[in-house]
Amino acid sequence: MDKTSLGLEENMEASLSYIMFFISGIFFLIVEKENKFVHFHSLQSTITFLIFFSAQIILMPLIGVPVLNILVDIIRYLLNVLSIIVWLVCMYKAYNHEKYKLPLIGDIVEKIV
């Protein structure tokens, strides 16, 4: 287990990169430059949760459309449930020292890191 620039264990820091969704991911991207494991999870957190956040923002104007209201509510609910599941799984995997790659996003992140 390697230490990080903040003095935490790498698994703890990688797990914390998910704790506040993309905000903590950005924080650890800025702070942690050396540790590839933390950098991977920080970037994956940032990209993943910015996508979830952007999808919610895109759907917001459609909430007021009477015909689409129920459909948009269902989609937003499913996005919220999915984001919580992804959040919990990623934190758990990072804490257990796993370089868990999310489908599509994980491959992109791995190429960048």
PDB file of N, CA and C in Angstrom:
ATOM      1  N   MET A   1       0.837  -1.181   0.000  1.00  0.00           N
ATOM      2  CA  MET A   1       0.000   0.000   0.000  1.00  0.00           C
ATOM      3  C   MET A   1       0.884   1.248   0.000  1.00  0.00           C
ATOM      4  N   ASP A   2       0.721   2.044  -0.995  1.00  0.00           N
ATOM      5  CA  ASP A   2       1.520   3.256  -1.114  1.00  0.00           C
ATOM      6  C   ASP A   2       0.814   4.425  -0.441  1.00  0.00           C
ATOM      7  N   LYS A   3       1.636   5.320   0.079  1.00  0.00           N
ATOM      8  CA  LYS A   3       1.110   6.569   0.620  1.00  0.00           C
ATOM      9  C   LYS A   3       0.889   7.537  -0.541  1.00  0.00           C
ATOM     10  N   THR A   4       0.119   8.558  -0.257  1.00  0.00           N
ATOM     11  CA  THR A   4      -0.176   9.560  -1.273  1.00  0.00           C
ATOM     12  C   THR A   4       0.392  10.902  -0.827  1.00  0.00           C
ATOM     13  N   SER A   5       0.227  11.914  -1.651  1.00  0.00           N
ATOM     14  CA  SER A   5       0.757  13.232  -1.306  1.00  0.00           C
ATOM     15  C   SER A   5       0.057  13.832  -0.088  1.00  0.00           C
ATOM     16  N   LEU A   6      -1.144  13.367   0.236  1.00  0.00           N
ATOM     17  CA  LEU A   6      -1.844  13.833   1.433  1.00  0.00           C
ATOM     18  C   LEU A   6      -1.501  12.996   2.659  1.00  0.00           C
ATOM     19  N   GLY A   7      -0.719  11.936   2.461  1.00  0.00           N
ATOM     20  CA  GLY A   7      -0.330  11.086   3.570  1.00  0.00           C
ATOM     21  C   GLY A   7      -1.325   9.980   3.896  1.00  0.00           C
ATOM     22  N   LEU A   8      -2.365   9.855   3.099  1.00  0.00           N
ATOM     23  CA  LEU A   8      -3.353   8.793   3.299  1.00  0.00           C
ATOM     24  C   LEU A   8      -2.922   7.540   2.546  1.00  0.00           C
ATOM     25  N   GLU A   9      -3.490   6.418   2.919  1.00  0.00           N
ATOM     26  CA  GLU A   9      -3.288   5.202   2.135  1.00  0.00           C
ATOM     27  C   GLU A   9      -3.961   5.411   0.779  1.00  0.00           C
ATOM     28  N   GLU A  10      -3.387   4.824  -0.259  1.00  0.00           N
ATOM     29  CA  GLU A  10      -3.920   5.050  -1.605  1.00  0.00           C
ATOM     30  C   GLU A  10      -5.353   4.555  -1.757  1.00  0.00           C
ATOM     31  N   ASN A  11      -5.711   3.462  -1.104  1.00  0.00           N
ATOM     32  CA  ASN A  11      -7.079   2.963  -1.227  1.00  0.00           C
ATOM     33  C   ASN A  11      -8.076   3.919  -0.581  1.00  0.00           C
ATOM     34  N   MET A  12      -7.687   4.554   0.516  1.00  0.00           N
ATOM     35  CA  MET A  12      -8.573   5.510   1.183  1.00  0.00           C
ATOM     36  C   MET A  12      -8.774   6.742   0.308  1.00  0.00           C
ATOM     37  N   GLU A  13      -7.688   7.244  -0.239  1.00  0.00           N
ATOM     38  CA  GLU A  13      -7.776   8.435  -1.082  1.00  0.00           C
ATOM     39  C   GLU A  13      -8.556   8.145  -2.363  1.00  0.00           C
ATOM     40  N   ALA A  14      -8.334   6.978  -2.956  1.00  0.00           N
ATOM     41  CA  ALA A  14      -9.074   6.605  -4.165  1.00  0.00           C
ATOM     42  C   ALA A  14     -10.562   6.489  -3.863  1.00  0.00           C
ATOM     43  N   SER A  15     -10.892   5.903  -2.733  1.00  0.00           N
ATOM     44  CA  SER A  15     -12.292   5.772  -2.331  1.00  0.00           C
ATOM     45  C   SER A  15     -12.915   7.146  -2.065  1.00  0.00           C
ATOM     46  N   LEU A  16     -12.161   8.019  -1.419  1.00  0.00           N
ATOM     47  CA  LEU A  16     -12.660   9.366  -1.133  1.00  0.00           C
ATOM     48  C   LEU A  16     -12.864  10.195  -2.397  1.00  0.00           C
ATOM     49  N   SER A  17     -12.207   9.820  -3.484  1.00  0.00           N
ATOM     50  CA  SER A  17     -12.388  10.570  -4.730  1.00  0.00           C
ATOM     51  C   SER A  17     -13.817  10.439  -5.264  1.00  0.00           C
ATOM     52  N   TYR A  18     -14.559   9.466  -4.761  1.00  0.00           N
ATOM     53  CA  TYR A  18     -15.959   9.288  -5.166  1.00  0.00           C
ATOM     54  C   TYR A  18     -16.945   9.912  -4.179  1.00  0.00           C
ATOM     55  N   ILE A  19     -16.512  10.254  -2.989  1.00  0.00           N
ATOM     56  CA  ILE A  19     -17.423  10.577  -1.893  1.00  0.00           C
ATOM     57  C   ILE A  19     -18.350  11.755  -2.208  1.00  0.00           C
ATOM     58  N   MET A  20     -17.862  12.756  -2.896  1.00  0.00           N
ATOM     59  CA  MET A  20     -18.698  13.905  -3.252  1.00  0.00           C
ATOM     60  C   MET A  20     -18.870  13.988  -4.771  1.00  0.00           C
ATOM     61  N   PHE A  21     -19.032  12.820  -5.362  1.00  0.00           N
ATOM     62  CA  PHE A  21     -19.236  12.712  -6.797  1.00  0.00           C
ATOM     63  C   PHE A  21     -18.112  13.419  -7.555  1.00  0.00           C
ATOM     64  N   PHE A  22     -18.406  14.217  -8.576  1.00  0.00           N
ATOM     65  CA  PHE A  22     -17.330  14.775  -9.400  1.00  0.00           C
ATOM     66  C   PHE A  22     -16.519  15.853  -8.676  1.00  0.00           C
ATOM     67  N   ILE A  23     -17.070  16.448  -7.636  1.00  0.00           N
ATOM     68  CA  ILE A  23     -16.350  17.503  -6.909  1.00  0.00           C
ATOM     69  C   ILE A  23     -15.106  16.934  -6.223  1.00  0.00           C
ATOM     70  N   SER A  24     -15.270  15.820  -5.523  1.00  0.00           N
ATOM     71  CA  SER A  24     -14.108  15.207  -4.868  1.00  0.00           C
ATOM     72  C   SER A  24     -13.151  14.613  -5.907  1.00  0.00           C
ATOM     73  N   GLY A  25     -13.698  14.150  -7.020  1.00  0.00           N
ATOM     74  CA  GLY A  25     -12.843  13.655  -8.095  1.00  0.00           C
ATOM     75  C   GLY A  25     -11.928  14.747  -8.617  1.00  0.00           C
ATOM     76  N   ILE A  26     -12.483  15.929  -8.835  1.00  0.00           N
ATOM     77  CA  ILE A  26     -11.684  17.068  -9.305  1.00  0.00           C
ATOM     78  C   ILE A  26     -10.646  17.457  -8.254  1.00  0.00           C
ATOM     79  N   PHE A  27     -11.068  17.476  -6.992  1.00  0.00           N
ATOM     80  CA  PHE A  27     -10.140  17.819  -5.908  1.00  0.00           C
ATOM     81  C   PHE A  27      -8.918  16.899  -5.917  1.00  0.00           C
ATOM     82  N   PHE A  28      -9.155  15.592  -5.974  1.00  0.00           N
ATOM     83  CA  PHE A  28      -8.034  14.653  -5.938  1.00  0.00           C
ATOM     84  C   PHE A  28      -7.238  14.650  -7.246  1.00  0.00           C
ATOM     85  N   LEU A  29      -7.860  15.030  -8.349  1.00  0.00           N
ATOM     86  CA  LEU A  29      -7.096  15.190  -9.594  1.00  0.00           C
ATOM     87  C   LEU A  29      -6.087  16.322  -9.462  1.00  0.00           C
ATOM     88  N   ILE A  30      -6.501  17.380  -8.786  1.00  0.00           N
ATOM     89  CA  ILE A  30      -5.620  18.539  -8.601  1.00  0.00           C
ATOM     90  C   ILE A  30      -4.527  18.238  -7.573  1.00  0.00           C
ATOM     91  N   VAL A  31      -4.916  17.607  -6.472  1.00  0.00           N
ATOM     92  CA  VAL A  31      -3.993  17.394  -5.354  1.00  0.00           C
ATOM     93  C   VAL A  31      -3.014  16.250  -5.599  1.00  0.00           C
ATOM     94  N   GLU A  32      -3.506  15.153  -6.139  1.00  0.00           N
ATOM     95  CA  GLU A  32      -2.685  13.940  -6.276  1.00  0.00           C
ATOM     96  C   GLU A  32      -2.143  13.815  -7.693  1.00  0.00           C
ATOM     97  N   LYS A  33      -0.837  14.004  -7.832  1.00  0.00           N
ATOM     98  CA  LYS A  33      -0.217  13.939  -9.161  1.00  0.00           C
ATOM     99  C   LYS A  33       0.575  12.654  -9.381  1.00  0.00           C
ATOM    100  N   GLU A  34       1.081  12.056  -8.318  1.00  0.00           N
ATOM    101  CA  GLU A  34       2.018  10.941  -8.437  1.00  0.00           C
ATOM    102  C   GLU A  34       1.365   9.563  -8.470  1.00  0.00           C
ATOM    103  N   ASN A  35       0.379   9.340  -7.649  1.00  0.00           N
ATOM    104  CA  ASN A  35      -0.185   8.004  -7.477  1.00  0.00           C
ATOM    105  C   ASN A  35      -1.162   7.674  -8.606  1.00  0.00           C
ATOM    106  N   LYS A  36      -0.799   6.722  -9.445  1.00  0.00           N
ATOM    107  CA  LYS A  36      -1.613   6.362 -10.615  1.00  0.00           C
ATOM    108  C   LYS A  36      -2.954   5.740 -10.217  1.00  0.00           C
ATOM    109  N   PHE A  37      -2.972   4.976  -9.137  1.00  0.00           N
ATOM    110  CA  PHE A  37      -4.213   4.341  -8.668  1.00  0.00           C
ATOM    111  C   PHE A  37      -5.236   5.405  -8.271  1.00  0.00           C
ATOM    112  N   VAL A  38      -4.797   6.380  -7.503  1.00  0.00           N
ATOM    113  CA  VAL A  38      -5.685   7.472  -7.081  1.00  0.00           C
ATOM    114  C   VAL A  38      -6.071   8.323  -8.283  1.00  0.00           C
ATOM    115  N   HIS A  39      -5.113   8.587  -9.146  1.00  0.00           N
ATOM    116  CA  HIS A  39      -5.383   9.401 -10.335  1.00  0.00           C
ATOM    117  C   HIS A  39      -6.448   8.731 -11.218  1.00  0.00           C
ATOM    118  N   PHE A  40      -6.341   7.414 -11.387  1.00  0.00           N
ATOM    119  CA  PHE A  40      -7.324   6.666 -12.175  1.00  0.00           C
ATOM    120  C   PHE A  40      -8.724   6.824 -11.584  1.00  0.00           C
ATOM    121  N   HIS A  41      -8.863   6.574 -10.290  1.00  0.00           N
ATOM    122  CA  HIS A  41     -10.184   6.653  -9.665  1.00  0.00           C
ATOM    123  C   HIS A  41     -10.720   8.086  -9.634  1.00  0.00           C
ATOM    124  N   SER A  42      -9.846   9.053  -9.447  1.00  0.00           N
ATOM    125  CA  SER A  42     -10.276  10.453  -9.444  1.00  0.00           C
ATOM    126  C   SER A  42     -10.821  10.863 -10.806  1.00  0.00           C
ATOM    127  N   LEU A  43     -10.121  10.476 -11.850  1.00  0.00           N
ATOM    128  CA  LEU A  43     -10.569  10.816 -13.202  1.00  0.00           C
ATOM    129  C   LEU A  43     -11.843  10.061 -13.563  1.00  0.00           C
ATOM    130  N   GLN A  44     -11.917   8.803 -13.189  1.00  0.00           N
ATOM    131  CA  GLN A  44     -13.130   8.023 -13.456  1.00  0.00           C
ATOM    132  C   GLN A  44     -14.328   8.629 -12.718  1.00  0.00           C
ATOM    133  N   SER A  45     -14.124   9.048 -11.481  1.00  0.00           N
ATOM    134  CA  SER A  45     -15.184   9.691 -10.706  1.00  0.00           C
ATOM    135  C   SER A  45     -15.641  10.984 -11.379  1.00  0.00           C
ATOM    136  N   THR A  46     -14.684  11.794 -11.770  1.00  0.00           N
ATOM    137  CA  THR A  46     -15.003  13.080 -12.387  1.00  0.00           C
ATOM    138  C   THR A  46     -15.801  12.900 -13.672  1.00  0.00           C
ATOM    139  N   ILE A  47     -15.324  12.065 -14.565  1.00  0.00           N
ATOM    140  CA  ILE A  47     -16.005  11.864 -15.848  1.00  0.00           C
ATOM    141  C   ILE A  47     -17.376  11.228 -15.649  1.00  0.00           C
ATOM    142  N   THR A  48     -17.442  10.185 -14.840  1.00  0.00           N
ATOM    143  CA  THR A  48     -18.700   9.462 -14.633  1.00  0.00           C
ATOM    144  C   THR A  48     -19.780  10.366 -14.073  1.00  0.00           C
ATOM    145  N   PHE A  49     -19.456  11.080 -13.007  1.00  0.00           N
ATOM    146  CA  PHE A  49     -20.493  11.860 -12.346  1.00  0.00           C
ATOM    147  C   PHE A  49     -20.773  13.185 -13.042  1.00  0.00           C
ATOM    148  N   LEU A  50     -19.853  13.662 -13.867  1.00  0.00           N
ATOM    149  CA  LEU A  50     -20.189  14.802 -14.726  1.00  0.00           C
ATOM    150  C   LEU A  50     -21.190  14.379 -15.800  1.00  0.00           C
ATOM    151  N   ILE A  51     -21.079  13.151 -16.269  1.00  0.00           N
ATOM    152  CA  ILE A  51     -22.050  12.634 -17.240  1.00  0.00           C
ATOM    153  C   ILE A  51     -23.429  12.507 -16.597  1.00  0.00           C
ATOM    154  N   PHE A  52     -23.485  11.928 -15.400  1.00  0.00           N
ATOM    155  CA  PHE A  52     -24.772  11.824 -14.695  1.00  0.00           C
ATOM    156  C   PHE A  52     -25.366  13.208 -14.433  1.00  0.00           C
ATOM    157  N   PHE A  53     -24.531  14.139 -13.975  1.00  0.00           N
ATOM    158  CA  PHE A  53     -24.977  15.497 -13.682  1.00  0.00           C
ATOM    159  C   PHE A  53     -25.480  16.193 -14.946  1.00  0.00           C
ATOM    160  N   SER A  54     -24.744  16.051 -16.037  1.00  0.00           N
ATOM    161  CA  SER A  54     -25.143  16.662 -17.311  1.00  0.00           C
ATOM    162  C   SER A  54     -26.464  16.101 -17.816  1.00  0.00           C
ATOM    163  N   ALA A  55     -26.659  14.804 -17.667  1.00  0.00           N
ATOM    164  CA  ALA A  55     -27.921  14.186 -18.092  1.00  0.00           C
ATOM    165  C   ALA A  55     -29.091  14.770 -17.309  1.00  0.00           C
ATOM    166  N   GLN A  56     -28.905  14.980 -16.016  1.00  0.00           N
ATOM    167  CA  GLN A  56     -29.969  15.576 -15.196  1.00  0.00           C
ATOM    168  C   GLN A  56     -30.268  17.007 -15.654  1.00  0.00           C
ATOM    169  N   ILE A  57     -29.232  17.771 -15.944  1.00  0.00           N
ATOM    170  CA  ILE A  57     -29.402  19.156 -16.400  1.00  0.00           C
ATOM    171  C   ILE A  57     -30.125  19.193 -17.743  1.00  0.00           C
ATOM    172  N   ILE A  58     -29.764  18.297 -18.636  1.00  0.00           N
ATOM    173  CA  ILE A  58     -30.400  18.245 -19.957  1.00  0.00           C
ATOM    174  C   ILE A  58     -31.882  17.914 -19.835  1.00  0.00           C
ATOM    175  N   LEU A  59     -32.231  17.067 -18.889  1.00  0.00           N
ATOM    176  CA  LEU A  59     -33.631  16.665 -18.718  1.00  0.00           C
ATOM    177  C   LEU A  59     -34.487  17.716 -18.011  1.00  0.00           C
ATOM    178  N   MET A  60     -33.886  18.630 -17.298  1.00  0.00           N
ATOM    179  CA  MET A  60     -34.645  19.604 -16.508  1.00  0.00           C
ATOM    180  C   MET A  60     -35.660  20.421 -17.309  1.00  0.00           C
ATOM    181  N   PRO A  61     -35.319  20.946 -18.483  1.00  0.00           N
ATOM    182  CA  PRO A  61     -36.317  21.729 -19.224  1.00  0.00           C
ATOM    183  C   PRO A  61     -37.543  20.911 -19.655  1.00  0.00           C
ATOM    184  N   LEU A  62     -37.386  19.601 -19.728  1.00  0.00           N
ATOM    185  CA  LEU A  62     -38.493  18.750 -20.168  1.00  0.00           C
ATOM    186  C   LEU A  62     -39.485  18.428 -19.053  1.00  0.00           C
ATOM    187  N   ILE A  63     -39.150  18.787 -17.820  1.00  0.00           N
ATOM    188  CA  ILE A  63     -40.033  18.490 -16.689  1.00  0.00           C
ATOM    189  C   ILE A  63     -41.377  19.197 -16.848  1.00  0.00           C
ATOM    190  N   GLY A  64     -41.375  20.395 -17.382  1.00  0.00           N
ATOM    191  CA  GLY A  64     -42.605  21.166 -17.514  1.00  0.00           C
ATOM    192  C   GLY A  64     -43.483  20.779 -18.690  1.00  0.00           C
ATOM    193  N   VAL A  65     -43.008  19.925 -19.572  1.00  0.00           N
ATOM    194  CA  VAL A  65     -43.791  19.508 -20.735  1.00  0.00           C
ATOM    195  C   VAL A  65     -44.773  18.426 -20.283  1.00  0.00           C
ATOM    196  N   PRO A  66     -46.083  18.727 -20.337  1.00  0.00           N
ATOM    197  CA  PRO A  66     -47.080  17.797 -19.790  1.00  0.00           C
ATOM    198  C   PRO A  66     -47.002  16.375 -20.354  1.00  0.00           C
ATOM    199  N   VAL A  67     -46.774  16.247 -21.629  1.00  0.00           N
ATOM    200  CA  VAL A  67     -46.754  14.923 -22.255  1.00  0.00           C
ATOM    201  C   VAL A  67     -45.528  14.113 -21.804  1.00  0.00           C
ATOM    202  N   LEU A  68     -44.429  14.796 -21.559  1.00  0.00           N
ATOM    203  CA  LEU A  68     -43.176  14.122 -21.216  1.00  0.00           C
ATOM    204  C   LEU A  68     -42.898  14.048 -19.717  1.00  0.00           C
ATOM    205  N   ASN A  69     -43.710  14.708 -18.918  1.00  0.00           N
ATOM    206  CA  ASN A  69     -43.438  14.842 -17.494  1.00  0.00           C
ATOM    207  C   ASN A  69     -43.194  13.506 -16.790  1.00  0.00           C
ATOM    208  N   ILE A  70     -44.080  12.551 -16.974  1.00  0.00           N
ATOM    209  CA  ILE A  70     -43.951  11.257 -16.294  1.00  0.00           C
ATOM    210  C   ILE A  70     -42.727  10.500 -16.804  1.00  0.00           C
ATOM    211  N   LEU A  71     -42.522  10.515 -18.112  1.00  0.00           N
ATOM    212  CA  LEU A  71     -41.368   9.831 -18.693  1.00  0.00           C
ATOM    213  C   LEU A  71     -40.053  10.424 -18.178  1.00  0.00           C
ATOM    214  N   VAL A  72     -39.982  11.741 -18.142  1.00  0.00           N
ATOM    215  CA  VAL A  72     -38.778  12.411 -17.651  1.00  0.00           C
ATOM    216  C   VAL A  72     -38.551  12.092 -16.173  1.00  0.00           C
ATOM    217  N   ASP A  73     -39.624  12.066 -15.385  1.00  0.00           N
ATOM    218  CA  ASP A  73     -39.494  11.710 -13.966  1.00  0.00           C
ATOM    219  C   ASP A  73     -38.949  10.295 -13.796  1.00  0.00           C
ATOM    220  N   ILE A  74     -39.425   9.372 -14.601  1.00  0.00           N
ATOM    221  CA  ILE A  74     -38.951   7.985 -14.530  1.00  0.00           C
ATOM    222  C   ILE A  74     -37.477   7.903 -14.918  1.00  0.00           C
ATOM    223  N   ILE A  75     -37.107   8.587 -15.995  1.00  0.00           N
ATOM    224  CA  ILE A  75     -35.709   8.579 -16.441  1.00  0.00           C
ATOM    225  C   ILE A  75     -34.802   9.192 -15.376  1.00  0.00           C
ATOM    226  N   ARG A  76     -35.227  10.318 -14.795  1.00  0.00           N
ATOM    227  CA  ARG A  76     -34.421  10.960 -13.748  1.00  0.00           C
ATOM    228  C   ARG A  76     -34.302  10.067 -12.520  1.00  0.00           C
ATOM    229  N   TYR A  77     -35.374   9.389 -12.156  1.00  0.00           N
ATOM    230  CA  TYR A  77     -35.337   8.468 -11.021  1.00  0.00           C
ATOM    231  C   TYR A  77     -34.343   7.333 -11.293  1.00  0.00           C
ATOM    232  N   LEU A  78     -34.418   6.755 -12.491  1.00  0.00           N
ATOM    233  CA  LEU A  78     -33.503   5.667 -12.850  1.00  0.00           C
ATOM    234  C   LEU A  78     -32.045   6.143 -12.877  1.00  0.00           C
ATOM    235  N   LEU A  79     -31.820   7.351 -13.371  1.00  0.00           N
ATOM    236  CA  LEU A  79     -30.467   7.920 -13.355  1.00  0.00           C
ATOM    237  C   LEU A  79     -29.952   8.082 -11.927  1.00  0.00           C
ATOM    238  N   ASN A  80     -30.831   8.541 -11.035  1.00  0.00           N
ATOM    239  CA  ASN A  80     -30.436   8.702  -9.633  1.00  0.00           C
ATOM    240  C   ASN A  80     -30.089   7.366  -8.993  1.00  0.00           C
ATOM    241  N   VAL A  81     -30.922   6.367  -9.224  1.00  0.00           N
ATOM    242  CA  VAL A  81     -30.663   5.038  -8.663  1.00  0.00           C
ATOM    243  C   VAL A  81     -29.358   4.474  -9.230  1.00  0.00           C
ATOM    244  N   LEU A  82     -29.185   4.586 -10.535  1.00  0.00           N
ATOM    245  CA  LEU A  82     -27.966   4.086 -11.174  1.00  0.00           C
ATOM    246  C   LEU A  82     -26.724   4.808 -10.648  1.00  0.00           C
ATOM    247  N   SER A  83     -26.821   6.122 -10.487  1.00  0.00           N
ATOM    248  CA  SER A  83     -25.655   6.865 -10.003  1.00  0.00           C
ATOM    249  C   SER A  83     -25.296   6.471  -8.569  1.00  0.00           C
ATOM    250  N   ILE A  84     -26.283   6.194  -7.740  1.00  0.00           N
ATOM    251  CA  ILE A  84     -26.005   5.753  -6.367  1.00  0.00           C
ATOM    252  C   ILE A  84     -25.358   4.374  -6.366  1.00  0.00           C
ATOM    253  N   ILE A  85     -25.848   3.485  -7.211  1.00  0.00           N
ATOM    254  CA  ILE A  85     -25.255   2.142  -7.306  1.00  0.00           C
ATOM    255  C   ILE A  85     -23.806   2.237  -7.786  1.00  0.00           C
ATOM    256  N   VAL A  86     -23.572   3.012  -8.837  1.00  0.00           N
ATOM    257  CA  VAL A  86     -22.212   3.194  -9.367  1.00  0.00           C
ATOM    258  C   VAL A  86     -21.314   3.807  -8.295  1.00  0.00           C
ATOM    259  N   TRP A  87     -21.832   4.798  -7.590  1.00  0.00           N
ATOM    260  CA  TRP A  87     -21.095   5.480  -6.531  1.00  0.00           C
ATOM    261  C   TRP A  87     -20.648   4.496  -5.449  1.00  0.00           C
ATOM    262  N   LEU A  88     -21.583   3.683  -4.965  1.00  0.00           N
ATOM    263  CA  LEU A  88     -21.271   2.719  -3.906  1.00  0.00           C
ATOM    264  C   LEU A  88     -20.292   1.645  -4.378  1.00  0.00           C
ATOM    265  N   VAL A  89     -20.529   1.110  -5.567  1.00  0.00           N
ATOM    266  CA  VAL A  89     -19.650   0.062  -6.103  1.00  0.00           C
ATOM    267  C   VAL A  89     -18.232   0.602  -6.297  1.00  0.00           C
ATOM    268  N   CYS A  90     -18.113   1.780  -6.875  1.00  0.00           N
ATOM    269  CA  CYS A  90     -16.788   2.348  -7.128  1.00  0.00           C
ATOM    270  C   CYS A  90     -16.041   2.652  -5.830  1.00  0.00           C
ATOM    271  N   MET A  91     -16.739   3.193  -4.844  1.00  0.00           N
ATOM    272  CA  MET A  91     -16.079   3.445  -3.557  1.00  0.00           C
ATOM    273  C   MET A  91     -15.615   2.142  -2.921  1.00  0.00           C
ATOM    274  N   TYR A  92     -16.447   1.127  -2.957  1.00  0.00           N
ATOM    275  CA  TYR A  92     -16.112  -0.175  -2.376  1.00  0.00           C
ATOM    276  C   TYR A  92     -14.905  -0.796  -3.080  1.00  0.00           C
ATOM    277  N   LYS A  93     -14.936  -0.778  -4.407  1.00  0.00           N
ATOM    278  CA  LYS A  93     -13.842  -1.371  -5.187  1.00  0.00           C
ATOM    279  C   LYS A  93     -12.529  -0.616  -4.953  1.00  0.00           C
ATOM    280  N   ALA A  94     -12.586   0.705  -4.941  1.00  0.00           N
ATOM    281  CA  ALA A  94     -11.377   1.497  -4.710  1.00  0.00           C
ATOM    282  C   ALA A  94     -10.819   1.230  -3.316  1.00  0.00           C
ATOM    283  N   TYR A  95     -11.683   1.134  -2.332  1.00  0.00           N
ATOM    284  CA  TYR A  95     -11.233   0.866  -0.962  1.00  0.00           C
ATOM    285  C   TYR A  95     -10.561  -0.500  -0.850  1.00  0.00           C
ATOM    286  N   ASN A  96     -11.011  -1.443  -1.661  1.00  0.00           N
ATOM    287  CA  ASN A  96     -10.442  -2.794  -1.666  1.00  0.00           C
ATOM    288  C   ASN A  96      -9.298  -2.950  -2.672  1.00  0.00           C
ATOM    289  N   HIS A  97      -8.684  -1.841  -3.053  1.00  0.00           N
ATOM    290  CA  HIS A  97      -7.502  -1.822  -3.926  1.00  0.00           C
ATOM    291  C   HIS A  97      -7.767  -2.387  -5.323  1.00  0.00           C
ATOM    292  N   GLU A  98      -8.980  -2.302  -5.799  1.00  0.00           N
ATOM    293  CA  GLU A  98      -9.293  -2.799  -7.139  1.00  0.00           C
ATOM    294  C   GLU A  98      -9.316  -1.632  -8.118  1.00  0.00           C
ATOM    295  N   LYS A  99      -8.653  -1.821  -9.224  1.00  0.00           N
ATOM    296  CA  LYS A  99      -8.720  -0.820 -10.295  1.00  0.00           C
ATOM    297  C   LYS A  99      -9.930  -1.182 -11.155  1.00  0.00           C
ATOM    298  N   TYR A 100     -11.094  -0.908 -10.611  1.00  0.00           N
ATOM    299  CA  TYR A 100     -12.351  -1.278 -11.250  1.00  0.00           C
ATOM    300  C   TYR A 100     -12.667  -0.295 -12.365  1.00  0.00           C
ATOM    301  N   LYS A 101     -12.802  -0.831 -13.574  1.00  0.00           N
ATOM    302  CA  LYS A 101     -13.096   0.015 -14.728  1.00  0.00           C
ATOM    303  C   LYS A 101     -14.580  -0.078 -15.060  1.00  0.00           C
ATOM    304  N   LEU A 102     -15.235   1.066 -15.064  1.00  0.00           N
ATOM    305  CA  LEU A 102     -16.621   1.115 -15.513  1.00  0.00           C
ATOM    306  C   LEU A 102     -16.650   0.889 -17.021  1.00  0.00           C
ATOM    307  N   PRO A 103     -17.712   0.280 -17.533  1.00  0.00           N
ATOM    308  CA  PRO A 103     -17.808   0.078 -18.983  1.00  0.00           C
ATOM    309  C   PRO A 103     -17.665   1.417 -19.724  1.00  0.00           C
ATOM    310  N   LEU A 104     -16.950   1.399 -20.809  1.00  0.00           N
ATOM    311  CA  LEU A 104     -16.660   2.548 -21.670  1.00  0.00           C
ATOM    312  C   LEU A 104     -15.791   3.596 -20.991  1.00  0.00           C
ATOM    313  N   ILE A 105     -16.234   4.132 -19.890  1.00  0.00           N
ATOM    314  CA  ILE A 105     -15.516   5.213 -19.215  1.00  0.00           C
ATOM    315  C   ILE A 105     -14.171   4.728 -18.686  1.00  0.00           C
ATOM    316  N   GLY A 106     -14.142   3.550 -18.106  1.00  0.00           N
ATOM    317  CA  GLY A 106     -12.909   3.007 -17.543  1.00  0.00           C
ATOM    318  C   GLY A 106     -11.808   2.858 -18.570  1.00  0.00           C
ATOM    319  N   ASP A 107     -12.162   2.431 -19.773  1.00  0.00           N
ATOM    320  CA  ASP A 107     -11.165   2.292 -20.841  1.00  0.00           C
ATOM    321  C   ASP A 107     -10.613   3.649 -21.265  1.00  0.00           C
ATOM    322  N   ILE A 108     -11.485   4.635 -21.346  1.00  0.00           N
ATOM    323  CA  ILE A 108     -11.058   5.994 -21.707  1.00  0.00           C
ATOM    324  C   ILE A 108     -10.118   6.542 -20.637  1.00  0.00           C
ATOM    325  N   VAL A 109     -10.510   6.368 -19.388  1.00  0.00           N
ATOM    326  CA  VAL A 109      -9.693   6.851 -18.271  1.00  0.00           C
ATOM    327  C   VAL A 109      -8.335   6.162 -18.252  1.00  0.00           C
ATOM    328  N   GLU A 110      -8.320   4.869 -18.492  1.00  0.00           N
ATOM    329  CA  GLU A 110      -7.063   4.122 -18.478  1.00  0.00           C
ATOM    330  C   GLU A 110      -6.101   4.632 -19.552  1.00  0.00           C
ATOM    331  N   LYS A 111      -6.630   5.004 -20.712  1.00  0.00           N
ATOM    332  CA  LYS A 111      -5.779   5.547 -21.780  1.00  0.00           C
ATOM    333  C   LYS A 111      -5.208   6.907 -21.387  1.00  0.00           C
ATOM    334  N   ILE A 112      -6.001   7.698 -20.677  1.00  0.00           N
ATOM    335  CA  ILE A 112      -5.555   9.032 -20.262  1.00  0.00           C
ATOM    336  C   ILE A 112      -4.507   8.941 -19.158  1.00  0.00           C
ATOM    337  N   VAL A 113      -4.766   8.069 -18.192  1.00  0.00           N
ATOM    338  CA  VAL A 113      -3.846   7.930 -17.052  1.00  0.00           C
ATOM    339  C   VAL A 113      -2.599   7.222 -17.517  1.00  0.00           C
TER     340      VAL A 113
END
